[in-house]
Amino acid sequence: MIKATENKIRLTAFWVFILVLLFIESNLILIPIFLAIDFFLRAFGYGKFSILGNLSLLVSKFLKLKEVSVFFPPKQFAAKIGFVFSLLLIILNLLTFNSLYISLIFIFFAALEAFFNICAGCYVYNFYHTSKSKF
């Protein structure tokens, strides 16, 4: 069974929360581009190259946070959703459409993970796999 570290994931969600807030304030397209690259790395098996993931690991070790393992595939699926949200922000920005609502949704889900340990993408993943196994 593939595992991931819960505190690292929550810290990464915190950085996403901060970065999307900065994007709302600055409208700097480099932020969602960075997020898209980082989410891509984490979503498609290259997590060891993720800047946010590595930063979270360093902070977790510095703070001596307890390592709690969680099942990785739902978290990987959630990273794919984050990748899609990042791409949406890039596309909307390039087309000069307002991306505030997408940004707020993104912040909401990042905050759920970072502050309350609620992974909405994990619920979608589990629902899909539970429903699929019934048929």
C-alpha atoms as a PDB file:
ATOM      1  CA  MET A   1       0.000   0.000   0.000  1.00  0.00           C
ATOM      2  CA  ILE A   2       1.413   3.375  -1.029  1.00  0.00           C
ATOM      3  CA  LYS A   3       1.570   5.906   1.820  1.00  0.00           C
ATOM      4  CA  ALA A   4       2.157   9.643   2.171  1.00  0.00           C
ATOM      5  CA  THR A   5       2.905  11.853   5.173  1.00  0.00           C
ATOM      6  CA  GLU A   6      -0.145  13.740   6.425  1.00  0.00           C
ATOM      7  CA  ASN A   7       1.698  16.770   7.854  1.00  0.00           C
ATOM      8  CA  LYS A   8       3.668  17.245   4.636  1.00  0.00           C
ATOM      9  CA  ILE A   9       0.422  17.197   2.655  1.00  0.00           C
ATOM     10  CA  ARG A  10      -1.263  19.664   5.009  1.00  0.00           C
ATOM     11  CA  LEU A  11       1.712  22.030   4.912  1.00  0.00           C
ATOM     12  CA  THR A  12       1.731  21.830   1.124  1.00  0.00           C
ATOM     13  CA  ALA A  13      -1.962  22.768   1.116  1.00  0.00           C
ATOM     14  CA  PHE A  14      -1.072  25.716   3.357  1.00  0.00           C
ATOM     15  CA  TRP A  15       1.512  26.958   0.805  1.00  0.00           C
ATOM     16  CA  VAL A  16      -1.096  26.578  -1.951  1.00  0.00           C
ATOM     17  CA  PHE A  17      -3.535  28.594   0.175  1.00  0.00           C
ATOM     18  CA  ILE A  18      -0.951  31.388   0.589  1.00  0.00           C
ATOM     19  CA  LEU A  19       0.077  31.370  -3.077  1.00  0.00           C
ATOM     20  CA  VAL A  20      -3.488  31.581  -4.378  1.00  0.00           C
ATOM     21  CA  LEU A  21      -4.151  34.466  -1.971  1.00  0.00           C
ATOM     22  CA  LEU A  22      -1.065  36.178  -3.406  1.00  0.00           C
ATOM     23  CA  PHE A  23      -2.371  35.503  -6.914  1.00  0.00           C
ATOM     24  CA  ILE A  24      -5.707  37.146  -6.078  1.00  0.00           C
ATOM     25  CA  GLU A  25      -3.878  40.185  -4.729  1.00  0.00           C
ATOM     26  CA  SER A  26      -1.254  40.479  -7.486  1.00  0.00           C
ATOM     27  CA  ASN A  27      -2.786  38.739 -10.529  1.00  0.00           C
ATOM     28  CA  LEU A  28       0.758  37.568 -11.280  1.00  0.00           C
ATOM     29  CA  ILE A  29       0.409  34.704 -13.769  1.00  0.00           C
ATOM     30  CA  LEU A  30       3.677  33.155 -12.610  1.00  0.00           C
ATOM     31  CA  ILE A  31       1.906  31.958  -9.456  1.00  0.00           C
ATOM     32  CA  PRO A  32      -0.610  29.627 -11.155  1.00  0.00           C
ATOM     33  CA  ILE A  33       2.119  28.541 -13.594  1.00  0.00           C
ATOM     34  CA  PHE A  34       4.295  27.565 -10.635  1.00  0.00           C
ATOM     35  CA  LEU A  35       1.323  25.836  -8.983  1.00  0.00           C
ATOM     36  CA  ALA A  36       0.484  23.927 -12.174  1.00  0.00           C
ATOM     37  CA  ILE A  37       4.049  22.644 -12.459  1.00  0.00           C
ATOM     38  CA  ASP A  38       4.183  21.701  -8.787  1.00  0.00           C
ATOM     39  CA  PHE A  39       0.781  19.974  -8.854  1.00  0.00           C
ATOM     40  CA  PHE A  40       1.779  18.151 -12.046  1.00  0.00           C
ATOM     41  CA  LEU A  41       4.901  16.810 -10.364  1.00  0.00           C
ATOM     42  CA  ARG A  42       2.954  15.603  -7.333  1.00  0.00           C
ATOM     43  CA  ALA A  43       0.007  14.253  -9.332  1.00  0.00           C
ATOM     44  CA  PHE A  44       1.936  12.257 -11.899  1.00  0.00           C
ATOM     45  CA  GLY A  45       4.624  10.523  -9.867  1.00  0.00           C
ATOM     46  CA  TYR A  46       7.405  13.111  -9.714  1.00  0.00           C
ATOM     47  CA  GLY A  47       6.674  14.378  -6.202  1.00  0.00           C
ATOM     48  CA  LYS A  48      10.313  14.204  -5.149  1.00  0.00           C
ATOM     49  CA  PHE A  49      10.903  17.206  -7.457  1.00  0.00           C
ATOM     50  CA  SER A  50       8.022  19.268  -6.013  1.00  0.00           C
ATOM     51  CA  ILE A  51       9.274  22.519  -4.509  1.00  0.00           C
ATOM     52  CA  LEU A  52       6.216  22.864  -2.269  1.00  0.00           C
ATOM     53  CA  GLY A  53       6.461  19.227  -1.206  1.00  0.00           C
ATOM     54  CA  ASN A  54      10.144  19.564  -0.353  1.00  0.00           C
ATOM     55  CA  LEU A  55       9.561  22.853   1.474  1.00  0.00           C
ATOM     56  CA  SER A  56       6.798  21.173   3.477  1.00  0.00           C
ATOM     57  CA  LEU A  57       9.084  18.264   4.309  1.00  0.00           C
ATOM     58  CA  LEU A  58      11.792  20.653   5.557  1.00  0.00           C
ATOM     59  CA  VAL A  59       9.326  22.627   7.681  1.00  0.00           C
ATOM     60  CA  SER A  60       7.818  19.410   9.043  1.00  0.00           C
ATOM     61  CA  LYS A  61      11.263  18.152  10.075  1.00  0.00           C
ATOM     62  CA  PHE A  62      12.275  21.544  11.493  1.00  0.00           C
ATOM     63  CA  LEU A  63       9.109  21.667  13.612  1.00  0.00           C
ATOM     64  CA  LYS A  64       9.588  17.989  14.531  1.00  0.00           C
ATOM     65  CA  LEU A  65       6.021  17.162  13.542  1.00  0.00           C
ATOM     66  CA  LYS A  66       4.923  13.595  14.103  1.00  0.00           C
ATOM     67  CA  GLU A  67       4.882  11.546  10.898  1.00  0.00           C
ATOM     68  CA  VAL A  68       1.438  10.114  10.250  1.00  0.00           C
ATOM     69  CA  SER A  69       1.038   7.990   7.144  1.00  0.00           C
ATOM     70  CA  VAL A  70      -2.065   8.214   4.961  1.00  0.00           C
ATOM     71  CA  PHE A  71      -3.171   6.279   1.878  1.00  0.00           C
ATOM     72  CA  PHE A  72      -1.572   8.036  -1.097  1.00  0.00           C
ATOM     73  CA  PRO A  73      -3.833   7.429  -4.169  1.00  0.00           C
ATOM     74  CA  PRO A  74      -6.671   9.727  -2.973  1.00  0.00           C
ATOM     75  CA  LYS A  75      -4.116  12.468  -2.250  1.00  0.00           C
ATOM     76  CA  GLN A  76      -2.602  11.956  -5.699  1.00  0.00           C
ATOM     77  CA  PHE A  77      -6.074  12.290  -7.228  1.00  0.00           C
ATOM     78  CA  ALA A  78      -6.593  15.518  -5.241  1.00  0.00           C
ATOM     79  CA  ALA A  79      -3.286  16.809  -6.669  1.00  0.00           C
ATOM     80  CA  LYS A  80      -4.660  16.149 -10.166  1.00  0.00           C
ATOM     81  CA  ILE A  81      -7.665  18.301  -9.300  1.00  0.00           C
ATOM     82  CA  GLY A  82      -5.275  21.002  -8.060  1.00  0.00           C
ATOM     83  CA  PHE A  83      -3.435  20.750 -11.370  1.00  0.00           C
ATOM     84  CA  VAL A  84      -6.714  21.332 -13.240  1.00  0.00           C
ATOM     85  CA  PHE A  85      -7.565  24.325 -11.030  1.00  0.00           C
ATOM     86  CA  SER A  86      -4.105  25.781 -11.678  1.00  0.00           C
ATOM     87  CA  LEU A  87      -4.580  25.350 -15.432  1.00  0.00           C
ATOM     88  CA  LEU A  88      -7.981  27.044 -15.179  1.00  0.00           C
ATOM     89  CA  LEU A  89      -6.387  30.035 -13.459  1.00  0.00           C
ATOM     90  CA  ILE A  90      -3.749  30.259 -16.197  1.00  0.00           C
ATOM     91  CA  ILE A  91      -6.308  30.009 -19.008  1.00  0.00           C
ATOM     92  CA  LEU A  92      -8.712  32.508 -17.450  1.00  0.00           C
ATOM     93  CA  ASN A  93      -5.842  34.919 -16.827  1.00  0.00           C
ATOM     94  CA  LEU A  94      -4.555  34.627 -20.397  1.00  0.00           C
ATOM     95  CA  LEU A  95      -8.055  35.194 -21.770  1.00  0.00           C
ATOM     96  CA  THR A  96      -8.393  38.177 -19.407  1.00  0.00           C
ATOM     97  CA  PHE A  97     -11.438  36.643 -17.712  1.00  0.00           C
ATOM     98  CA  ASN A  98     -12.084  37.140 -14.034  1.00  0.00           C
ATOM     99  CA  SER A  99     -10.587  34.217 -12.119  1.00  0.00           C
ATOM    100  CA  LEU A 100     -11.684  35.325  -8.650  1.00  0.00           C
ATOM    101  CA  TYR A 101     -14.368  32.657  -8.182  1.00  0.00           C
ATOM    102  CA  ILE A 102     -12.090  29.811  -9.266  1.00  0.00           C
ATOM    103  CA  SER A 103      -9.384  31.230  -6.977  1.00  0.00           C
ATOM    104  CA  LEU A 104     -11.785  31.374  -4.031  1.00  0.00           C
ATOM    105  CA  ILE A 105     -12.895  27.781  -4.606  1.00  0.00           C
ATOM    106  CA  PHE A 106      -9.235  26.767  -4.831  1.00  0.00           C
ATOM    107  CA  ILE A 107      -8.475  28.598  -1.560  1.00  0.00           C
ATOM    108  CA  PHE A 108     -11.490  27.026   0.135  1.00  0.00           C
ATOM    109  CA  PHE A 109     -10.375  23.472  -0.649  1.00  0.00           C
ATOM    110  CA  ALA A 110      -6.726  24.200   0.204  1.00  0.00           C
ATOM    111  CA  ALA A 111      -7.889  25.651   3.540  1.00  0.00           C
ATOM    112  CA  LEU A 112     -10.020  22.584   4.268  1.00  0.00           C
ATOM    113  CA  GLU A 113      -6.943  20.382   3.875  1.00  0.00           C
ATOM    114  CA  ALA A 114      -4.446  22.707   5.562  1.00  0.00           C
ATOM    115  CA  PHE A 115      -6.472  23.773   8.592  1.00  0.00           C
ATOM    116  CA  PHE A 116      -9.056  21.011   9.119  1.00  0.00           C
ATOM    117  CA  ASN A 117      -7.444  17.925   7.533  1.00  0.00           C
ATOM    118  CA  ILE A 118     -10.412  17.551   5.167  1.00  0.00           C
ATOM    119  CA  CYS A 119      -9.428  16.380   1.700  1.00  0.00           C
ATOM    120  CA  ALA A 120     -12.409  16.996  -0.598  1.00  0.00           C
ATOM    121  CA  GLY A 121     -10.645  15.352  -3.555  1.00  0.00           C
ATOM    122  CA  CYS A 122     -10.150  12.261  -1.404  1.00  0.00           C
ATOM    123  CA  TYR A 123     -13.900  12.050  -0.817  1.00  0.00           C
ATOM    124  CA  VAL A 124     -14.489  12.220  -4.585  1.00  0.00           C
ATOM    125  CA  TYR A 125     -11.824   9.545  -5.133  1.00  0.00           C
ATOM    126  CA  ASN A 126     -13.331   7.244  -2.497  1.00  0.00           C
ATOM    127  CA  PHE A 127     -16.885   7.793  -3.772  1.00  0.00           C
ATOM    128  CA  TYR A 128     -15.809   6.964  -7.328  1.00  0.00           C
ATOM    129  CA  HIS A 129     -13.946   3.816  -6.317  1.00  0.00           C
ATOM    130  CA  THR A 130     -16.724   2.671  -3.986  1.00  0.00           C
ATOM    131  CA  SER A 131     -19.366   3.244  -6.688  1.00  0.00           C
ATOM    132  CA  LYS A 132     -17.238   1.552  -9.335  1.00  0.00           C
ATOM    133  CA  SER A 133     -16.801  -1.582  -7.226  1.00  0.00           C
ATOM    134  CA  LYS A 134     -20.581  -1.958  -6.798  1.00  0.00           C
ATOM    135  CA  PHE A 135     -21.129  -2.436 -10.521  1.00  0.00           C
END
